[in-house]
Each structure stands twice: as C-alpha cells, then as structure tokens.
Amino acid sequence: AGFRVLFEARWIHRPAGPPAVAPEL
C-alpha cells in the first residue's frame, strides 16, 4: 500500500502500586 516502517517499539506495563522511589518534585 506504499508504506514503510517508521519505527518499532514495545508496549510496557507496570502493576498498580506506589513508586519504589519517592518523587522530588
């Protein structure tokens, strides 16, 4: 159909829950 691949990536997932590192902002 006249397309080329622009880029490839991966879906990502993180379970619900607090971050391991507290934010500074």
PDB file of all heavy atoms in Angstrom:
ATOM      1  N   ALA A   1       0.821  -1.212   0.000  1.00  0.00           N
ATOM      2  CA  ALA A   1       0.000   0.000   0.000  1.00  0.00           C
ATOM      3  C   ALA A   1       0.856   1.263   0.000  1.00  0.00           C
ATOM      4  O   ALA A   1       0.322   2.372   0.115  1.00  0.00           O
ATOM      5  CB  ALA A   1      -0.942   0.000   1.202  1.00  0.00           C
ATOM      6  N   GLY A   2       2.178   1.124  -0.126  1.00  0.00           N
ATOM      7  CA  GLY A   2       3.056   2.293  -0.198  1.00  0.00           C
ATOM      8  C   GLY A   2       3.571   2.785   1.136  1.00  0.00           C
ATOM      9  O   GLY A   2       3.983   3.946   1.245  1.00  0.00           O
ATOM     10  N   PHE A   3       3.579   1.929   2.145  1.00  0.00           N
ATOM     11  CA  PHE A   3       4.058   2.323   3.475  1.00  0.00           C
ATOM     12  C   PHE A   3       5.442   1.728   3.733  1.00  0.00           C
ATOM     13  O   PHE A   3       5.813   0.705   3.159  1.00  0.00           O
ATOM     14  CB  PHE A   3       3.101   1.819   4.564  1.00  0.00           C
ATOM     15  CG  PHE A   3       1.807   2.576   4.669  1.00  0.00           C
ATOM     16  CD1 PHE A   3       0.779   2.328   3.767  1.00  0.00           C
ATOM     17  CD2 PHE A   3       1.604   3.509   5.679  1.00  0.00           C
ATOM     18  CE1 PHE A   3      -0.431   3.011   3.870  1.00  0.00           C
ATOM     19  CE2 PHE A   3       0.403   4.185   5.788  1.00  0.00           C
ATOM     20  CZ  PHE A   3      -0.616   3.946   4.880  1.00  0.00           C
ATOM     21  N   ARG A   4       6.167   2.389   4.618  1.00  0.00           N
ATOM     22  CA  ARG A   4       7.415   1.851   5.152  1.00  0.00           C
ATOM     23  C   ARG A   4       7.378   1.974   6.670  1.00  0.00           C
ATOM     24  O   ARG A   4       6.642   2.798   7.224  1.00  0.00           O
ATOM     25  CB  ARG A   4       8.624   2.613   4.597  1.00  0.00           C
ATOM     26  CG  ARG A   4       8.656   4.087   4.943  1.00  0.00           C
ATOM     27  CD  ARG A   4       9.931   4.751   4.440  1.00  0.00           C
ATOM     28  NE  ARG A   4       9.924   6.190   4.647  1.00  0.00           N
ATOM     29  CZ  ARG A   4      10.270   6.799   5.782  1.00  0.00           C
ATOM     30  NH1 ARG A   4      10.652   6.065   6.833  1.00  0.00           N
ATOM     31  NH2 ARG A   4      10.237   8.117   5.877  1.00  0.00           N
ATOM     32  N   VAL A   5       8.163   1.143   7.345  1.00  0.00           N
ATOM     33  CA  VAL A   5       8.192   1.192   8.807  1.00  0.00           C
ATOM     34  C   VAL A   5       8.928   2.457   9.247  1.00  0.00           C
ATOM     35  O   VAL A   5      10.084   2.684   8.872  1.00  0.00           O
ATOM     36  CB  VAL A   5       8.873  -0.056   9.392  1.00  0.00           C
ATOM     37  CG1 VAL A   5       9.016   0.071  10.908  1.00  0.00           C
ATOM     38  CG2 VAL A   5       8.083  -1.315   9.035  1.00  0.00           C
ATOM     39  N   LEU A   6       8.240   3.274  10.046  1.00  0.00           N
ATOM     40  CA  LEU A   6       8.852   4.500  10.577  1.00  0.00           C
ATOM     41  C   LEU A   6       9.664   4.198  11.822  1.00  0.00           C
ATOM     42  O   LEU A   6      10.796   4.664  11.973  1.00  0.00           O
ATOM     43  CB  LEU A   6       7.762   5.531  10.885  1.00  0.00           C
ATOM     44  CG  LEU A   6       8.215   6.884  11.415  1.00  0.00           C
ATOM     45  CD1 LEU A   6       9.079   7.603  10.384  1.00  0.00           C
ATOM     46  CD2 LEU A   6       7.002   7.747  11.790  1.00  0.00           C
ATOM     47  N   PHE A   7       9.074   3.444  12.752  1.00  0.00           N
ATOM     48  CA  PHE A   7       9.819   2.997  13.926  1.00  0.00           C
ATOM     49  C   PHE A   7       9.117   1.806  14.553  1.00  0.00           C
ATOM     50  O   PHE A   7       7.949   1.522  14.263  1.00  0.00           O
ATOM     51  CB  PHE A   7      10.018   4.124  14.961  1.00  0.00           C
ATOM     52  CG  PHE A   7       8.761   4.581  15.656  1.00  0.00           C
ATOM     53  CD1 PHE A   7       8.288   3.931  16.786  1.00  0.00           C
ATOM     54  CD2 PHE A   7       8.058   5.688  15.190  1.00  0.00           C
ATOM     55  CE1 PHE A   7       7.132   4.365  17.434  1.00  0.00           C
ATOM     56  CE2 PHE A   7       6.908   6.136  15.830  1.00  0.00           C
ATOM     57  CZ  PHE A   7       6.445   5.460  16.957  1.00  0.00           C
ATOM     58  N   GLU A   8       9.845   1.111  15.411  1.00  0.00           N
ATOM     59  CA  GLU A   8       9.310  -0.007  16.181  1.00  0.00           C
ATOM     60  C   GLU A   8       9.469   0.293  17.659  1.00  0.00           C
ATOM     61  O   GLU A   8      10.384   1.022  18.065  1.00  0.00           O
ATOM     62  CB  GLU A   8      10.018  -1.309  15.811  1.00  0.00           C
ATOM     63  CG  GLU A   8       9.833  -1.696  14.347  1.00  0.00           C
ATOM     64  CD  GLU A   8      10.474  -3.025  14.014  1.00  0.00           C
ATOM     65  OE1 GLU A   8      11.397  -3.438  14.747  1.00  0.00           O
ATOM     66  OE2 GLU A   8      10.042  -3.655  13.031  1.00  0.00           O
ATOM     67  N   ALA A   9       8.584  -0.258  18.488  1.00  0.00           N
ATOM     68  CA  ALA A   9       8.617  -0.001  19.921  1.00  0.00           C
ATOM     69  C   ALA A   9       8.031  -1.209  20.639  1.00  0.00           C
ATOM     70  O   ALA A   9       7.654  -2.206  20.010  1.00  0.00           O
ATOM     71  CB  ALA A   9       7.842   1.273  20.257  1.00  0.00           C
ATOM     72  N   ARG A  10       7.964  -1.092  21.956  1.00  0.00           N
ATOM     73  CA  ARG A  10       7.363  -2.160  22.766  1.00  0.00           C
ATOM     74  C   ARG A  10       6.321  -1.556  23.690  1.00  0.00           C
ATOM     75  O   ARG A  10       6.513  -0.486  24.272  1.00  0.00           O
ATOM     76  CB  ARG A  10       8.438  -2.855  23.621  1.00  0.00           C
ATOM     77  CG  ARG A  10       9.496  -3.583  22.829  1.00  0.00           C
ATOM     78  CD  ARG A  10       8.970  -4.838  22.176  1.00  0.00           C
ATOM     79  NE  ARG A  10       8.574  -5.857  23.127  1.00  0.00           N
ATOM     80  CZ  ARG A  10       9.391  -6.781  23.623  1.00  0.00           C
ATOM     81  NH1 ARG A  10      10.675  -6.797  23.272  1.00  0.00           N
ATOM     82  NH2 ARG A  10       8.947  -7.688  24.472  1.00  0.00           N
ATOM     83  N   TRP A  11       5.208  -2.262  23.811  1.00  0.00           N
ATOM     84  CA  TRP A  11       4.251  -1.913  24.851  1.00  0.00           C
ATOM     85  C   TRP A  11       4.885  -2.199  26.203  1.00  0.00           C
ATOM     86  O   TRP A  11       5.677  -3.146  26.347  1.00  0.00           O
ATOM     87  CB  TRP A  11       2.968  -2.725  24.702  1.00  0.00           C
ATOM     88  CG  TRP A  11       2.192  -2.435  23.454  1.00  0.00           C
ATOM     89  CD1 TRP A  11       2.070  -3.239  22.365  1.00  0.00           C
ATOM     90  CD2 TRP A  11       1.428  -1.256  23.174  1.00  0.00           C
ATOM     91  NE1 TRP A  11       1.283  -2.642  21.408  1.00  0.00           N
ATOM     92  CE2 TRP A  11       0.868  -1.428  21.880  1.00  0.00           C
ATOM     93  CE3 TRP A  11       1.160  -0.079  23.870  1.00  0.00           C
ATOM     94  CZ2 TRP A  11       0.072  -0.463  21.274  1.00  0.00           C
ATOM     95  CZ3 TRP A  11       0.359   0.886  23.277  1.00  0.00           C
ATOM     96  CH2 TRP A  11      -0.181   0.684  22.000  1.00  0.00           C
ATOM     97  N   ILE A  12       4.547  -1.395  27.204  1.00  0.00           N
ATOM     98  CA  ILE A  12       5.092  -1.580  28.548  1.00  0.00           C
ATOM     99  C   ILE A  12       3.952  -1.642  29.548  1.00  0.00           C
ATOM    100  O   ILE A  12       2.839  -1.149  29.311  1.00  0.00           O
ATOM    101  CB  ILE A  12       6.075  -0.454  28.931  1.00  0.00           C
ATOM    102  CG1 ILE A  12       5.396   0.920  28.848  1.00  0.00           C
ATOM    103  CG2 ILE A  12       7.319  -0.514  28.048  1.00  0.00           C
ATOM    104  CD1 ILE A  12       6.246   2.063  29.399  1.00  0.00           C
ATOM    105  N   HIS A  13       4.243  -2.253  30.699  1.00  0.00           N
ATOM    106  CA  HIS A  13       3.219  -2.442  31.740  1.00  0.00           C
ATOM    107  C   HIS A  13       3.877  -2.385  33.107  1.00  0.00           C
ATOM    108  O   HIS A  13       4.983  -2.896  33.307  1.00  0.00           O
ATOM    109  CB  HIS A  13       2.538  -3.803  31.560  1.00  0.00           C
ATOM    110  CG  HIS A  13       1.859  -4.308  32.804  1.00  0.00           C
ATOM    111  ND1 HIS A  13       2.365  -5.343  33.557  1.00  0.00           N
ATOM    112  CD2 HIS A  13       0.729  -3.891  33.415  1.00  0.00           C
ATOM    113  CE1 HIS A  13       1.572  -5.553  34.582  1.00  0.00           C
ATOM    114  NE2 HIS A  13       0.567  -4.699  34.530  1.00  0.00           N
ATOM    115  N   ARG A  14       3.167  -1.753  34.027  1.00  0.00           N
ATOM    116  CA  ARG A  14       3.562  -1.767  35.438  1.00  0.00           C
ATOM    117  C   ARG A  14       2.314  -2.011  36.263  1.00  0.00           C
ATOM    118  O   ARG A  14       1.297  -1.338  36.059  1.00  0.00           O
ATOM    119  CB  ARG A  14       4.209  -0.446  35.839  1.00  0.00           C
ATOM    120  CG  ARG A  14       4.755  -0.421  37.269  1.00  0.00           C
ATOM    121  CD  ARG A  14       5.357   0.931  37.612  1.00  0.00           C
ATOM    122  NE  ARG A  14       5.971   0.943  38.917  1.00  0.00           N
ATOM    123  CZ  ARG A  14       5.317   1.118  40.067  1.00  0.00           C
ATOM    124  NH1 ARG A  14       3.992   1.293  40.056  1.00  0.00           N
ATOM    125  NH2 ARG A  14       5.968   1.112  41.220  1.00  0.00           N
ATOM    126  N   PRO A  15       2.356  -2.979  37.210  1.00  0.00           N
ATOM    127  CA  PRO A  15       1.174  -3.215  38.045  1.00  0.00           C
ATOM    128  C   PRO A  15       0.818  -1.985  38.874  1.00  0.00           C
ATOM    129  O   PRO A  15       1.656  -1.113  39.121  1.00  0.00           O
ATOM    130  CB  PRO A  15       1.599  -4.387  38.946  1.00  0.00           C
ATOM    131  CG  PRO A  15       2.780  -5.006  38.272  1.00  0.00           C
ATOM    132  CD  PRO A  15       3.463  -3.887  37.539  1.00  0.00           C
ATOM    133  N   ALA A  16      -0.432  -1.917  39.300  1.00  0.00           N
ATOM    134  CA  ALA A  16      -0.849  -0.836  40.192  1.00  0.00           C
ATOM    135  C   ALA A  16      -0.015  -0.881  41.469  1.00  0.00           C
ATOM    136  O   ALA A  16       0.349  -1.948  41.963  1.00  0.00           O
ATOM    137  CB  ALA A  16      -2.332  -0.984  40.521  1.00  0.00           C
ATOM    138  N   GLY A  17       0.301   0.292  42.001  1.00  0.00           N
ATOM    139  CA  GLY A  17       1.078   0.352  43.230  1.00  0.00           C
ATOM    140  C   GLY A  17       1.923   1.598  43.282  1.00  0.00           C
ATOM    141  O   GLY A  17       2.132   2.272  42.273  1.00  0.00           O
ATOM    142  N   PRO A  18       2.441   1.931  44.461  1.00  0.00           N
ATOM    143  CA  PRO A  18       3.257   3.150  44.612  1.00  0.00           C
ATOM    144  C   PRO A  18       4.617   2.976  43.960  1.00  0.00           C
ATOM    145  O   PRO A  18       5.094   1.856  43.750  1.00  0.00           O
ATOM    146  CB  PRO A  18       3.388   3.287  46.131  1.00  0.00           C
ATOM    147  CG  PRO A  18       3.271   1.881  46.641  1.00  0.00           C
ATOM    148  CD  PRO A  18       2.298   1.195  45.731  1.00  0.00           C
ATOM    149  N   PRO A  19       5.280   4.098  43.630  1.00  0.00           N
ATOM    150  CA  PRO A  19       6.629   4.008  43.043  1.00  0.00           C
ATOM    151  C   PRO A  19       7.636   3.550  44.085  1.00  0.00           C
ATOM    152  O   PRO A  19       7.456   3.740  45.291  1.00  0.00           O
ATOM    153  CB  PRO A  19       6.906   5.442  42.589  1.00  0.00           C
ATOM    154  CG  PRO A  19       6.074   6.290  43.504  1.00  0.00           C
ATOM    155  CD  PRO A  19       4.828   5.490  43.773  1.00  0.00           C
ATOM    156  N   ALA A  20       8.697   2.924  43.592  1.00  0.00           N
ATOM    157  CA  ALA A  20       9.749   2.478  44.504  1.00  0.00           C
ATOM    158  C   ALA A  20      10.567   3.650  45.021  1.00  0.00           C
ATOM    159  O   ALA A  20      11.156   3.573  46.102  1.00  0.00           O
ATOM    160  CB  ALA A  20      10.652   1.471  43.798  1.00  0.00           C
ATOM    161  N   VAL A  21      10.623   4.746  44.234  1.00  0.00           N
ATOM    162  CA  VAL A  21      11.402   5.927  44.599  1.00  0.00           C
ATOM    163  C   VAL A  21      10.454   7.107  44.767  1.00  0.00           C
ATOM    164  O   VAL A  21       9.616   7.367  43.900  1.00  0.00           O
ATOM    165  CB  VAL A  21      12.453   6.240  43.515  1.00  0.00           C
ATOM    166  CG1 VAL A  21      13.236   7.497  43.877  1.00  0.00           C
ATOM    167  CG2 VAL A  21      13.389   5.053  43.320  1.00  0.00           C
ATOM    168  N   ALA A  22      10.570   7.833  45.871  1.00  0.00           N
ATOM    169  CA  ALA A  22       9.714   8.987  46.106  1.00  0.00           C
ATOM    170  C   ALA A  22      10.107  10.127  45.169  1.00  0.00           C
ATOM    171  O   ALA A  22      11.291  10.343  44.917  1.00  0.00           O
ATOM    172  CB  ALA A  22       9.830   9.444  47.555  1.00  0.00           C
ATOM    173  N   PRO A  23       9.118  10.860  44.650  1.00  0.00           N
ATOM    174  CA  PRO A  23       9.439  11.974  43.750  1.00  0.00           C
ATOM    175  C   PRO A  23      10.038  13.146  44.505  1.00  0.00           C
ATOM    176  O   PRO A  23       9.739  13.373  45.678  1.00  0.00           O
ATOM    177  CB  PRO A  23       8.084  12.341  43.160  1.00  0.00           C
ATOM    178  CG  PRO A  23       7.090  11.939  44.205  1.00  0.00           C
ATOM    179  CD  PRO A  23       7.673  10.697  44.847  1.00  0.00           C
ATOM    180  N   GLU A  24      10.883  13.893  43.795  1.00  0.00           N
ATOM    181  CA  GLU A  24      11.484  15.080  44.383  1.00  0.00           C
ATOM    182  C   GLU A  24      10.717  16.348  44.017  1.00  0.00           C
ATOM    183  O   GLU A  24      10.990  17.413  44.575  1.00  0.00           O
ATOM    184  CB  GLU A  24      12.942  15.213  43.913  1.00  0.00           C
ATOM    185  CG  GLU A  24      13.826  14.058  44.351  1.00  0.00           C
ATOM    186  CD  GLU A  24      15.257  14.215  43.885  1.00  0.00           C
ATOM    187  OE1 GLU A  24      15.533  15.209  43.176  1.00  0.00           O
ATOM    188  OE2 GLU A  24      16.091  13.361  44.224  1.00  0.00           O
ATOM    189  N   LEU A  25       9.774  16.252  43.096  1.00  0.00           N
ATOM    190  CA  LEU A  25       9.043  17.410  42.601  1.00  0.00           C
ATOM    191  C   LEU A  25       7.592  17.360  43.053  1.00  0.00           C
ATOM    192  O   LEU A  25       7.001  16.289  43.200  1.00  0.00           O
ATOM    193  CB  LEU A  25       9.081  17.444  41.071  1.00  0.00           C
ATOM    194  CG  LEU A  25      10.448  17.457  40.401  1.00  0.00           C
ATOM    195  CD1 LEU A  25      10.284  17.268  38.897  1.00  0.00           C
ATOM    196  CD2 LEU A  25      11.164  18.764  40.706  1.00  0.00           C
TER     197      LEU A  25
END
